[in-house]
Protein backbone atom coordinates (compact mmCIF):
# COMPACT_ATOMS: atom_id res chain seq x y z
CA MET A 1 -65.59 77.15 140.33
CA PRO A 2 -67.34 74.97 142.95
CA ILE A 3 -65.72 74.66 146.36
CA PRO A 4 -64.50 71.07 146.88
CA ALA A 5 -66.27 69.12 149.59
CA PRO A 6 -64.19 68.79 152.77
CA PRO A 7 -62.55 65.38 153.15
CA SER A 8 -64.03 62.90 155.57
CA VAL A 9 -62.25 62.30 158.87
CA ALA A 10 -61.00 58.92 157.67
CA ALA A 11 -59.78 60.35 154.34
CA ARG A 12 -57.45 62.79 156.12
CA PHE A 13 -55.42 59.81 157.34
CA GLU A 14 -55.03 58.28 153.88
CA PRO A 15 -51.53 58.57 152.28
CA ALA A 16 -52.99 59.87 148.98
CA TYR A 17 -54.76 62.76 150.72
CA ARG A 18 -51.72 63.53 152.86
CA ARG A 19 -49.65 63.86 149.66
CA LEU A 20 -52.17 66.40 148.33
CA VAL A 21 -51.86 68.39 151.56
CA ALA A 22 -48.06 68.25 151.37
CA HIS A 23 -48.19 69.63 147.81
CA ALA A 24 -50.60 72.39 148.86
CA ARG A 25 -48.36 73.36 151.78
CA ALA A 26 -45.34 73.60 149.47
CA LEU A 27 -47.37 75.89 147.19
CA PHE A 28 -48.43 77.98 150.19
CA LEU A 29 -44.85 78.48 151.35
CA ASP A 30 -43.66 79.26 147.82
CA ARG A 31 -46.62 81.34 146.57
CA PRO A 32 -48.94 82.28 149.45
CA SER A 33 -51.24 84.30 147.18
CA GLN A 34 -52.36 81.21 145.21
CA GLU A 35 -55.36 80.46 147.46
CA ALA A 36 -57.25 78.69 144.66
CA GLU A 37 -54.71 75.88 144.71
CA LEU A 38 -55.23 75.25 148.45
CA GLY A 39 -58.86 74.13 148.12
CA VAL A 40 -58.04 70.57 149.15
CA VAL A 41 -56.91 71.80 152.58
CA ARG A 42 -59.40 72.48 155.35
CA PRO A 43 -59.97 76.26 155.73
CA GLU A 44 -59.18 76.05 159.46
CA ILE A 45 -55.72 74.73 158.57
CA VAL A 46 -55.13 77.38 155.89
CA HIS A 47 -56.11 80.15 158.32
CA SER A 48 -53.71 78.66 160.86
CA TRP A 49 -50.90 78.53 158.26
CA HIS A 50 -51.42 82.25 157.63
CA ARG A 51 -51.30 83.03 161.35
CA SER A 52 -48.17 80.89 161.72
CA ARG A 53 -46.40 82.79 158.97
CA SER A 54 -47.50 86.16 160.45
CA SER A 55 -45.94 85.04 163.74
CA ALA A 56 -42.63 84.32 161.94
CA VAL A 57 -42.74 80.60 162.82
CA ASP A 58 -39.93 78.76 161.04
CA PRO A 59 -41.58 76.10 158.81
CA VAL A 60 -38.47 73.90 159.01
CA GLY A 61 -37.85 74.47 162.71
CA GLY A 62 -37.89 71.60 165.15
CA THR A 63 -37.24 72.99 168.63
CA LEU A 64 -39.90 73.74 171.23
CA PRO A 65 -39.68 77.00 173.21
CA VAL A 66 -39.32 76.23 176.92
CA LEU A 67 -40.37 78.37 179.87
CA GLU A 68 -39.17 78.01 183.44
CA LEU A 69 -42.29 76.93 185.33
CA GLU A 70 -43.04 78.62 188.60
CA ARG A 71 -43.77 76.29 191.51
CA GLY A 72 -47.37 75.13 191.66
CA ARG A 73 -48.36 76.32 188.18
CA ALA A 74 -51.78 74.87 187.22
CA ALA A 75 -51.62 72.65 190.33
CA HIS A 76 -55.41 72.07 190.37
CA LEU A 77 -55.29 70.94 186.74
CA VAL A 78 -52.38 68.56 187.32
CA THR A 79 -54.04 67.10 190.44
CA ALA A 80 -57.30 66.44 188.58
CA ALA A 81 -55.60 64.96 185.50
CA ARG A 82 -52.99 62.75 187.15
CA PRO A 83 -55.21 59.66 187.81
CA VAL A 84 -56.58 59.85 184.25
CA LEU A 85 -53.07 60.11 182.79
CA ASP A 86 -51.88 57.23 184.98
CA ARG A 87 -54.67 55.02 183.58
CA PHE A 88 -53.80 56.17 180.08
CA THR A 89 -50.16 55.16 180.64
CA GLU A 90 -51.31 51.63 181.44
CA GLN A 91 -53.55 51.54 178.34
CA ALA A 92 -50.79 52.93 176.11
CA ARG A 93 -48.32 50.12 176.68
CA ASP A 94 -46.74 48.92 173.41
CA THR A 95 -48.50 51.64 171.40
CA GLU A 96 -47.22 54.69 169.56
CA VAL A 97 -49.42 57.24 171.31
CA TRP A 98 -48.49 59.69 174.04
CA ALA A 99 -50.25 62.45 175.99
CA MET A 100 -49.31 65.86 177.31
CA LEU A 101 -51.17 68.14 179.72
CA LEU A 102 -51.06 71.85 178.91
CA ASP A 103 -52.34 74.82 180.89
CA ARG A 104 -54.60 77.53 179.45
CA GLU A 105 -51.56 79.28 177.92
CA GLY A 106 -50.53 76.16 175.99
CA VAL A 107 -47.58 75.37 178.30
CA GLN A 108 -46.84 71.76 179.29
CA VAL A 109 -47.25 71.41 183.06
CA CYS A 110 -46.36 67.76 183.78
CA PRO A 111 -44.20 65.02 182.20
CA VAL A 112 -45.27 63.14 179.08
CA ALA A 113 -47.55 60.13 179.66
CA GLY A 114 -47.41 56.95 177.57
CA ASP A 115 -45.27 53.90 176.85
CA SER A 116 -41.70 54.26 178.14
CA PRO A 117 -39.83 54.15 174.78
CA ILE A 118 -42.25 56.66 173.24
CA VAL A 119 -41.96 58.92 176.30
CA ARG A 120 -38.17 58.90 176.07
CA GLU A 121 -38.31 59.72 172.36
CA SER A 122 -40.79 62.55 172.85
CA GLU A 123 -38.66 63.99 175.65
CA ARG A 124 -35.69 64.02 173.25
CA ARG A 125 -37.88 66.13 170.96
CA GLY A 126 -38.25 68.65 173.80
CA CYS A 127 -41.64 67.56 175.17
CA ALA A 128 -41.12 68.33 178.85
CA PRO A 129 -42.65 70.60 181.51
CA GLY A 130 -42.31 74.19 180.33
CA ALA A 131 -42.52 73.39 176.59
CA VAL A 132 -44.80 75.83 174.72
CA TYR A 133 -47.33 74.64 172.09
CA GLN A 134 -49.00 77.96 171.26
CA GLU A 135 -49.78 78.40 167.58
CA CYS A 136 -47.92 81.72 167.49
CA THR A 137 -44.70 80.01 168.63
CA VAL A 138 -44.70 76.55 167.01
CA GLY A 139 -47.25 76.95 164.24
CA THR A 140 -50.27 74.82 163.33
CA ASN A 141 -50.80 71.92 165.77
CA GLY A 142 -53.68 70.22 167.56
CA ALA A 143 -53.21 72.04 170.87
CA GLY A 144 -52.89 75.49 169.29
CA LEU A 145 -56.01 75.08 167.15
CA SER A 146 -57.96 73.62 170.06
CA LEU A 147 -57.19 76.71 172.15
CA GLU A 148 -57.88 78.98 169.17
CA ARG A 149 -61.26 77.46 168.32
CA LEU A 150 -62.32 76.43 171.85
CA GLU A 151 -63.16 72.94 170.57
CA SER A 152 -61.49 69.59 169.98
CA PHE A 153 -59.31 69.54 166.86
CA VAL A 154 -57.01 67.05 165.15
CA VAL A 155 -54.10 67.96 162.83
CA VAL A 156 -52.76 65.24 160.56
CA GLY A 157 -49.25 64.96 159.11
CA ASP A 158 -48.40 67.74 156.66
CA GLU A 159 -51.24 69.90 157.98
CA HIS A 160 -48.75 70.86 160.70
CA PHE A 161 -46.93 74.07 159.76
CA ARG A 162 -43.50 72.81 160.80
CA GLU A 163 -41.81 69.92 158.97
CA SER A 164 -40.65 68.39 162.26
CA GLU A 165 -44.30 67.48 163.07
CA HIS A 166 -45.17 66.00 159.66
CA ASN A 167 -44.71 62.46 161.00
CA LEU A 168 -47.32 63.05 163.71
CA VAL A 169 -51.03 63.31 164.30
CA SER A 170 -51.83 65.76 167.13
CA ALA A 171 -55.27 65.95 168.75
CA GLY A 172 -56.12 68.76 171.17
CA VAL A 173 -59.08 68.71 173.57
CA PRO A 174 -59.95 71.81 175.67
CA LEU A 175 -60.44 71.21 179.40
CA ARG A 176 -62.87 73.36 181.42
CA ASP A 177 -63.28 73.96 185.12
CA GLY A 178 -66.47 73.89 187.17
CA LEU A 179 -67.29 77.48 186.17
CA GLY A 180 -67.01 76.76 182.46
CA ARG A 181 -63.65 78.48 182.08
CA ILE A 182 -60.84 77.05 179.97
CA ALA A 183 -58.48 75.31 182.40
CA GLY A 184 -56.07 73.76 179.92
CA THR A 185 -55.70 71.36 177.00
CA LEU A 186 -55.07 67.65 176.64
CA LEU A 187 -52.78 66.95 173.69
CA LEU A 188 -52.55 63.40 172.30
CA CYS A 189 -49.94 62.56 169.64
CA HIS A 190 -49.47 59.46 167.45
CA ARG A 191 -47.16 58.47 164.61
CA VAL A 192 -49.02 59.34 161.41
CA GLY A 193 -48.26 56.06 159.64
CA THR A 194 -50.16 53.95 162.16
CA ALA A 195 -52.63 56.53 163.50
CA SER A 196 -56.37 55.97 163.44
CA PRO A 197 -59.27 58.43 163.01
CA LEU A 198 -60.40 57.19 166.43
CA LEU A 199 -57.55 59.14 168.06
CA LEU A 200 -59.69 62.27 168.51
CA PRO A 201 -62.72 60.49 170.06
CA TYR A 202 -60.33 58.66 172.39
CA ALA A 203 -58.70 61.96 173.36
CA GLU A 204 -62.13 63.50 173.95
CA GLY A 205 -63.00 60.61 176.28
CA LEU A 206 -59.88 61.28 178.33
CA GLY A 207 -60.65 65.01 178.27
CA THR A 208 -64.17 64.39 179.58
CA ALA A 209 -62.79 62.32 182.46
CA ILE A 210 -60.35 65.10 183.38
CA THR A 211 -63.02 67.81 183.05
CA GLU A 212 -65.35 65.88 185.37
CA ARG A 213 -62.59 65.60 187.98
CA ILE A 214 -61.86 69.34 187.69
CA ALA A 215 -65.56 70.14 188.14
CA ALA A 216 -65.83 67.83 191.15
CA ALA A 217 -62.88 69.59 192.77
CA THR A 218 -64.23 73.10 192.17
CA ASP A 219 -64.84 74.65 195.55
CA HIS A 220 -68.46 75.85 195.84
CA HIS A 221 -67.04 78.91 197.57
CA ASP A 222 -65.29 79.81 194.30
CA ARG A 223 -68.75 79.73 192.75
CA ARG A 224 -69.98 82.10 195.44
CA LEU A 225 -67.19 84.54 194.59
CA PHE A 226 -67.94 84.23 190.87
CA GLU A 227 -71.66 84.90 191.41
CA ALA A 228 -70.84 88.01 193.48
CA TYR A 229 -68.55 89.18 190.68
CA LEU A 230 -71.34 88.76 188.09
CA ARG A 231 -73.69 90.91 190.17
CA ARG A 232 -71.10 93.68 190.52
CA ALA A 233 -69.80 93.62 186.94
CA ARG A 234 -73.06 94.54 185.22
CA ARG A 235 -71.73 97.96 184.15
CA PRO A 236 -69.19 97.17 181.39
CA SER A 237 -67.45 100.55 181.78
CA LEU A 238 -66.70 100.00 185.49
CA PRO A 239 -63.45 98.07 186.12
CA VAL A 240 -64.28 95.19 188.46
CA VAL A 241 -62.00 92.44 189.81
CA ALA A 242 -62.77 89.34 191.89
CA LEU A 243 -59.87 87.98 193.96
CA SER A 244 -59.10 85.26 196.44
CA GLU A 245 -55.99 83.28 197.28
CA ARG A 246 -56.45 81.18 194.11
CA VAL A 247 -58.90 83.15 191.91
CA PHE A 248 -58.40 86.28 189.83
CA ILE A 249 -61.22 87.37 187.49
CA ALA A 250 -61.31 90.78 185.79
CA ASN A 251 -63.82 92.22 183.36
CA ALA A 252 -62.69 93.80 180.08
CA ALA A 253 -62.50 97.31 181.56
CA ALA A 254 -60.22 96.12 184.39
CA GLN A 255 -58.03 94.06 182.08
CA ARG A 256 -57.38 97.12 179.91
CA LEU A 257 -55.92 98.77 183.01
CA LEU A 258 -54.10 95.82 184.60
CA ARG A 259 -51.69 94.88 181.82
CA ASP A 260 -48.64 95.23 184.06
CA ALA A 261 -48.00 92.32 186.44
CA LYS A 262 -46.74 94.78 189.07
CA ASP A 263 -50.13 96.52 189.07
CA VAL A 264 -51.88 93.17 189.54
CA ASP A 265 -49.57 92.25 192.43
CA LEU A 266 -50.16 95.65 194.08
CA LEU A 267 -53.93 95.33 193.74
CA ARG A 268 -53.89 91.78 195.09
CA ALA A 269 -51.72 92.70 198.08
CA THR A 270 -53.90 95.70 198.91
CA THR A 271 -57.32 94.10 198.55
CA LEU A 272 -56.48 90.77 200.19
CA GLY A 273 -54.65 92.65 202.94
CA GLY A 274 -57.99 93.66 204.41
CA GLU A 275 -58.29 97.29 203.27
CA ARG A 276 -61.87 98.33 202.51
CA ASP A 277 -60.97 101.43 200.51
CA ALA A 278 -57.61 102.43 199.10
CA THR A 279 -56.04 104.82 196.62
CA LEU A 280 -53.58 103.21 194.22
CA ASP A 281 -51.48 104.30 191.25
CA LEU A 282 -52.27 101.87 188.43
CA ALA A 283 -51.41 102.11 184.72
CA GLY A 284 -50.04 105.62 185.12
CA ALA A 285 -53.19 107.02 186.78
CA ARG A 286 -54.67 107.21 190.29
CA PHE A 287 -57.67 105.05 191.24
CA ARG A 288 -59.98 104.74 194.19
CA VAL A 289 -60.37 101.02 194.97
CA HIS A 290 -63.56 100.04 196.82
CA CYS A 291 -63.54 96.50 198.25
CA ARG A 292 -66.39 94.28 199.38
CA ALA A 293 -65.53 91.06 201.21
CA VAL A 294 -67.15 87.77 200.20
CA PRO A 295 -66.98 85.08 202.97
CA LEU A 296 -65.59 81.79 201.69
CA ALA A 297 -64.35 78.84 203.78
CA ASP A 298 -62.01 78.16 206.68
CA GLU A 299 -62.06 81.83 207.67
CA ARG A 300 -60.88 82.72 204.15
CA ALA A 301 -62.44 85.61 202.29
CA GLY A 302 -62.63 86.75 198.72
CA VAL A 303 -62.90 90.33 197.57
CA ILE A 304 -64.86 92.14 194.87
CA ALA A 305 -62.95 95.32 194.01
CA SER A 306 -64.27 98.14 191.82
CA LEU A 307 -61.88 100.80 190.49
CA THR A 308 -62.77 104.46 189.93
CA ARG A 309 -60.31 106.79 188.20
CA LEU A 310 -59.56 109.95 190.20
CA PRO A 311 -59.00 113.37 188.54
CA SER A 312 -55.36 113.83 187.52
CA THR A 313 -53.28 116.70 188.84
CA VAL A 314 -51.66 119.23 186.48
CA ASP A 315 -47.88 119.38 186.45
CA ALA A 316 -46.30 122.60 187.59
CA PRO A 317 -45.13 124.95 184.78
CA GLY A 318 -41.62 124.20 183.62
CA ARG A 319 -41.58 120.71 185.13
CA ALA A 320 -39.25 118.46 183.12
CA THR A 321 -40.68 115.28 181.63
CA GLN A 322 -38.81 112.01 181.83
CA ALA A 323 -37.15 110.78 178.67
CA ALA A 324 -38.39 107.52 177.15
CA PRO A 325 -36.27 104.49 178.10
CA ASP A 326 -35.38 103.82 174.44
CA VAL A 327 -34.00 107.37 174.18
CA LEU A 328 -31.93 106.82 177.32
CA ARG A 329 -30.46 103.62 175.91
CA GLU A 330 -29.54 105.39 172.68
CA ARG A 331 -27.91 108.22 174.65
CA ALA A 332 -25.84 105.66 176.57
CA VAL A 333 -24.54 104.15 173.31
CA ARG A 334 -23.80 107.63 171.92
CA ARG A 335 -21.80 108.55 175.03
CA ALA A 336 -19.82 105.32 174.82
CA ARG A 337 -19.10 105.98 171.14
CA SER A 338 -17.99 109.57 171.78
CA ARG A 339 -15.54 108.30 174.41
CA GLY A 340 -14.26 105.49 172.21
CA LEU A 341 -15.47 102.76 174.58
CA GLY A 342 -16.18 99.40 172.96
CA THR A 343 -19.90 98.79 173.42
CA VAL A 344 -22.03 95.66 173.49
CA VAL A 345 -25.85 95.80 173.43
CA VAL A 346 -27.27 92.68 175.08
CA GLY A 347 -30.77 91.31 174.76
CA GLU A 348 -33.00 88.98 172.75
CA PRO A 349 -32.68 88.85 168.95
CA GLY A 350 -35.04 91.24 167.21
CA SER A 351 -35.34 93.55 170.23
CA GLY A 352 -33.68 96.48 168.44
CA ARG A 353 -30.09 95.96 169.59
CA ALA A 354 -28.45 96.76 166.24
CA HIS A 355 -30.80 99.72 165.73
CA LEU A 356 -29.44 101.38 168.87
CA VAL A 357 -25.92 101.17 167.46
CA ARG A 358 -26.82 102.30 163.94
CA ALA A 359 -28.76 105.27 165.34
CA THR A 360 -25.49 106.76 166.64
CA GLY A 361 -23.98 107.20 163.14
CA ASP A 362 -22.41 105.32 160.24
CA VAL A 363 -21.07 101.91 161.12
CA ALA A 364 -20.04 98.85 159.08
CA VAL A 365 -22.05 95.77 160.03
CA LEU A 366 -20.82 92.15 160.05
CA ASP A 367 -23.08 89.28 161.01
CA GLY A 368 -21.48 86.75 163.35
CA GLY A 369 -23.58 83.99 161.79
CA GLY A 370 -21.68 84.44 158.52
CA ALA A 371 -18.47 83.27 160.17
CA GLN A 372 -19.73 79.68 160.20
CA VAL A 373 -19.71 79.49 156.38
CA ALA A 374 -16.17 80.66 155.64
CA PRO A 375 -14.34 81.39 158.92
CA SER A 376 -11.00 82.58 157.46
CA ASP A 377 -12.71 84.85 154.91
CA TRP A 378 -14.93 86.33 157.62
CA VAL A 379 -11.97 87.09 159.91
CA ALA A 380 -10.10 88.70 157.00
CA GLN A 381 -13.16 90.81 156.17
CA LEU A 382 -13.39 91.93 159.80
CA ALA A 383 -9.73 92.98 159.79
CA GLY A 384 -10.37 95.05 156.66
CA VAL A 385 -13.47 96.93 157.82
CA VAL A 386 -11.99 97.67 161.25
CA ARG A 387 -9.18 99.66 159.59
CA ARG A 388 -11.66 101.76 157.59
CA GLY A 389 -14.01 102.93 160.35
CA PRO A 390 -16.41 101.98 163.18
CA VAL A 391 -17.76 98.43 163.02
CA LEU A 392 -20.67 96.51 164.53
CA VAL A 393 -20.43 92.71 164.94
CA ARG A 394 -23.91 91.25 165.30
CA ASP A 395 -24.39 88.14 167.48
CA VAL A 396 -20.80 88.04 168.66
CA ASP A 397 -21.76 85.32 171.14
CA ALA A 398 -22.66 83.03 168.22
CA LEU A 399 -19.03 82.85 167.08
CA ASP A 400 -17.12 79.59 167.41
CA PRO A 401 -14.58 79.90 170.28
CA THR A 402 -11.61 79.84 167.90
CA ILE A 403 -13.15 82.51 165.64
CA LEU A 404 -14.20 84.51 168.71
CA ARG A 405 -10.60 84.67 169.97
CA ALA A 406 -9.37 85.88 166.58
CA ALA A 407 -12.18 88.43 166.29
CA LEU A 408 -11.62 89.82 169.78
CA GLY A 409 -7.91 90.19 169.05
CA ILE A 410 -8.72 92.29 165.96
CA LEU A 411 -11.35 94.36 167.76
CA ARG A 412 -9.07 94.94 170.78
CA ASP A 413 -6.50 96.67 168.55
CA ALA A 414 -9.00 98.48 166.31
CA PRO A 415 -8.19 102.14 165.52
CA HIS A 416 -11.90 103.03 165.46
CA TRP A 417 -14.92 102.51 167.70
CA VAL A 418 -16.25 98.94 167.86
CA ALA A 419 -19.63 97.60 168.96
CA ALA A 420 -21.40 94.24 169.14
CA THR A 421 -24.75 92.67 169.91
CA ALA A 422 -25.22 89.48 171.94
CA ARG A 423 -27.69 87.66 174.12
CA VAL A 424 -24.99 87.57 176.81
CA LEU A 425 -21.46 88.95 176.43
CA PRO A 426 -18.86 86.13 176.51
CA ASP A 427 -16.41 86.48 179.40
CA ALA A 428 -13.50 86.81 176.95
CA GLY A 429 -15.02 90.01 175.55
CA VAL A 430 -15.28 92.01 178.76
CA ASP A 431 -12.06 93.98 178.16
CA VAL A 432 -12.97 94.69 174.50
CA PHE A 433 -16.50 95.90 175.35
CA PRO A 434 -16.36 97.71 178.70
CA ALA A 435 -19.67 99.52 178.00
CA VAL A 436 -22.70 97.21 178.28
CA VAL A 437 -26.18 98.48 177.38
CA ALA A 438 -29.16 96.20 178.03
CA CYS A 439 -32.02 96.21 175.51
CA PRO A 440 -35.08 94.55 177.15
CA PRO A 441 -37.48 92.46 175.04
CA LEU A 442 -40.44 94.31 173.61
CA ARG A 443 -42.92 92.60 175.97
CA GLU A 444 -41.21 94.44 178.86
CA ARG A 445 -41.33 97.82 177.08
CA THR A 446 -45.06 98.38 176.59
CA ALA A 447 -44.74 102.04 177.64
CA GLU A 448 -42.58 102.63 174.54
CA LEU A 449 -45.08 101.08 172.13
CA PRO A 450 -46.87 104.29 170.97
CA ASP A 451 -43.60 106.00 170.01
CA LEU A 452 -42.17 102.80 168.55
CA VAL A 453 -45.27 102.11 166.46
CA ALA A 454 -45.24 105.69 165.14
CA ALA A 455 -41.55 105.44 164.23
CA LEU A 456 -41.97 102.08 162.48
CA LEU A 457 -45.00 103.27 160.51
CA ALA A 458 -43.05 106.34 159.39
CA ASP A 459 -40.16 104.11 158.32
CA LEU A 460 -42.66 101.99 156.34
CA GLY A 461 -43.98 105.07 154.53
CA ALA A 462 -47.23 105.19 156.52
CA GLY A 463 -46.36 107.96 158.97
CA ASP A 464 -49.75 109.67 158.59
CA MET A 465 -51.72 106.54 159.52
CA ARG A 466 -53.72 106.65 162.75
CA VAL A 467 -53.75 103.64 165.09
CA ALA A 468 -57.03 102.75 166.81
CA PRO A 469 -56.84 102.65 170.65
CA GLU A 470 -58.01 99.01 170.76
CA VAL A 471 -55.10 98.07 168.48
CA MET A 472 -52.63 99.62 170.92
CA SER A 473 -54.33 97.69 173.73
CA LEU A 474 -53.81 94.42 171.85
CA PHE A 475 -50.19 95.37 171.10
CA ALA A 476 -49.57 96.09 174.78
CA ALA A 477 -50.93 92.68 175.82
CA HIS A 478 -49.15 90.61 173.16
CA GLN A 479 -46.04 88.61 174.12
CA TRP A 480 -43.98 89.63 171.03
CA LEU A 481 -41.69 86.63 171.06
CA GLY A 482 -40.21 88.03 167.81
CA ASN A 483 -39.69 91.42 169.48
CA VAL A 484 -39.41 94.60 167.38
CA SER A 485 -38.80 92.61 164.21
CA GLN A 486 -42.15 90.87 164.64
CA LEU A 487 -43.88 94.19 165.39
CA ARG A 488 -42.44 95.66 162.18
CA ARG A 489 -43.76 92.71 160.13
CA VAL A 490 -47.19 93.02 161.74
CA LEU A 491 -47.34 96.75 161.02
CA ALA A 492 -46.19 96.25 157.44
CA THR A 493 -48.96 93.71 156.84
CA ALA A 494 -51.63 95.77 158.63
CA ALA A 495 -50.65 99.03 156.92
CA THR A 496 -50.92 97.32 153.53
CA LEU A 497 -54.43 96.07 154.34
CA ALA A 498 -55.54 99.39 155.87
CA GLY A 499 -54.33 101.49 152.92
CA THR A 500 -54.87 104.98 154.31
CA GLY A 501 -56.70 106.32 157.32
CA GLU A 502 -56.95 104.28 160.53
CA LEU A 503 -55.28 100.97 161.35
CA ARG A 504 -57.97 98.87 163.04
CA VAL A 505 -58.24 95.43 164.65
CA GLU A 506 -59.53 93.79 161.46
CA HIS A 507 -56.28 94.74 159.71
CA LEU A 508 -54.13 92.77 162.17
CA PRO A 509 -52.86 89.22 161.56
CA GLY A 510 -54.90 86.53 163.24
CA ASP A 511 -52.43 85.72 166.03
CA ILE A 512 -52.50 89.33 167.26
CA ALA A 513 -56.21 90.00 166.80
CA VAL A 514 -57.36 86.66 168.21
CA THR A 515 -54.74 85.10 170.50
CA THR A 516 -54.00 88.36 172.30
CA ARG A 517 -57.63 89.33 172.50
CA SER A 518 -58.43 85.92 174.00
CA ARG A 519 -55.77 86.53 176.65
CA LEU A 520 -57.39 89.87 177.52
CA MET A 521 -60.96 88.65 177.64
CA GLY A 522 -62.70 88.45 180.97
CA GLU A 523 -64.53 85.27 181.86
CA LEU A 524 -67.89 86.61 180.66
CA GLU A 525 -66.48 87.77 177.33
CA LYS A 526 -64.80 84.38 176.80
CA ALA A 527 -68.10 82.64 177.51
CA GLU A 528 -69.92 84.92 175.05
CA ARG A 529 -67.29 84.23 172.38
CA ALA A 530 -67.83 80.49 172.81
CA VAL A 531 -71.64 80.89 172.55
CA VAL A 532 -71.38 82.99 169.37
CA TYR A 533 -68.94 80.56 167.78
CA GLU A 534 -71.13 77.57 168.66
CA ALA A 535 -74.20 79.28 167.14
CA LEU A 536 -72.32 80.01 163.92
CA ARG A 537 -71.05 76.46 163.66
CA ASN A 538 -74.51 74.97 164.32
CA ALA A 539 -75.91 77.27 161.60
CA ARG A 540 -73.21 76.01 159.19
CA TRP A 541 -71.71 79.54 159.23
CA ASN A 542 -74.93 81.18 157.99
CA ARG A 543 -75.01 84.51 159.81
CA ASP A 544 -78.78 85.04 159.44
CA ARG A 545 -79.63 81.69 161.03
CA ALA A 546 -76.99 82.18 163.75
CA ALA A 547 -78.34 85.65 164.62
CA LEU A 548 -81.89 84.26 164.77
CA ALA A 549 -80.78 81.43 167.07
CA LEU A 550 -79.01 83.91 169.36
CA GLY A 551 -81.94 86.33 169.36
CA ILE A 552 -79.82 89.25 168.13
CA SER A 553 -79.75 91.32 164.94
CA ARG A 554 -77.43 90.50 162.05
CA ALA A 555 -75.58 93.81 162.65
CA THR A 556 -74.99 92.88 166.30
CA LEU A 557 -73.69 89.47 165.25
CA TYR A 558 -71.26 91.11 162.82
CA ARG A 559 -69.98 93.35 165.63
CA ARG A 560 -69.47 90.31 167.85
CA ILE A 561 -67.59 88.48 165.07
CA ARG A 562 -65.24 91.45 164.69
CA GLN A 563 -64.99 91.96 168.46
CA PHE A 564 -63.98 88.34 169.10
CA GLY A 565 -61.80 88.06 165.98
CA LEU A 566 -63.62 84.94 164.81
CA GLN A 567 -62.59 83.30 161.52
CA VAL A 568 -65.88 82.59 159.71
CA PRO A 569 -65.74 80.59 156.43
CA GLY A 570 -67.57 81.97 153.40
CA SER A 571 -69.42 85.29 153.13
CA ARG A 572 -73.02 84.36 153.89
């Protein structure tokens, strides 16, 4: 069956084509295996839909995740973009278009620009500094695909993964600094009913103006530091870092070591503190750090630091090893249960809070969310199970205040042990749950990942499967906004694809294998990824022609495609 020709840019804005996309999306959500029926949809959008589902994005969700921005975040980007956005605001009067400036992580770093009524409406939707537009958190959108593909990209209407964006067109344009690095993204949005195919070219014009201002502001001394880094980082196996007051560049070998922010802060404080050579404990091992100063401006200096692992010392015989934090948390819950102390496990949903309680023995489980459907029936059910044995109330902080008071009264007089999970324990429950055990989010528990991955694979019936080291590196760098629940889904998908043997990078969902890898890449690796992708696109995805244009063998090109996690249409 011939592959349908991709629609023209103008056709994507036509109501008839948008209805076809809406039908295809409904089929995708209902029967994701029916790929043949999605031929009308651009492959880039279909790939993004798959990644969105793997990231557990809610297709009917409407909220935007919001981070608390640290002071001065992406200040150079905001400074360069502000005059361009101010001019855009004047041009956008009485229109239905608005603009947002995002940093390289897809986080909004300044207020929405555009006509006042549209700005107020977009702010009601949650578009404000700190809002996150990453594909793995809000699904298919112009900004997420622009960051994913390192090129301008427009998403029209129902091509968005979430229904709340179906009335929009979103166009993302990557912004680069004077050294060619991704500095951020410009995101332009328009109501789909009145949007024009010219939205993307217009956005690209604004992006070019911002990029030129960023390049003009790039300190030539930063270039000097970057050039010194390139000379030192020729050996890929040697961890090398370039630092100054506003620059941090690490090659792939260094980034594999410096996954903990505390290690980065320690290295920065030591090297910029003037020490020429130092010995530091990083990533659980000891390293010799050799520093070479690079003169910059105004008596400032940058540093090129190379890290050499020192031989480890052998523990004395009989020395006790420290228990894993997850084991310690489980012990704390067990002790509270043995003493009959009501226990609440606090933390983010999906972080394994209920698992800690269930691991201590049999317990009846009631979901606090069910109380919203039939409150009186739920309270009666709680009173019944409390009399029969230990009980766990999940998400107790989600209960309506009236239901919460009734539930706490029942739990306070319970003849058996009671437990609960919550983001934060309500003040009224302090006397019912005197024992509080904190369960940190998975992104703060990277040291537990090997044991946790092994346990989850065993629970999924794949206990004999090996996990490649590079997979564990990607897991350790991923943000895991869905916590342990998301990790379990990822492992279930990957184990199914891997079958037996070793779980490798190519078995991972796209958001793990690409988004995380992009976060880990050093500046040189990111540049190489962009060059390879550009060669493939110019060769119309023909690998032979792309390899010839790059001057490398087809086998080397295939390794680069796997290394960078590139999505390449077809099988040529």
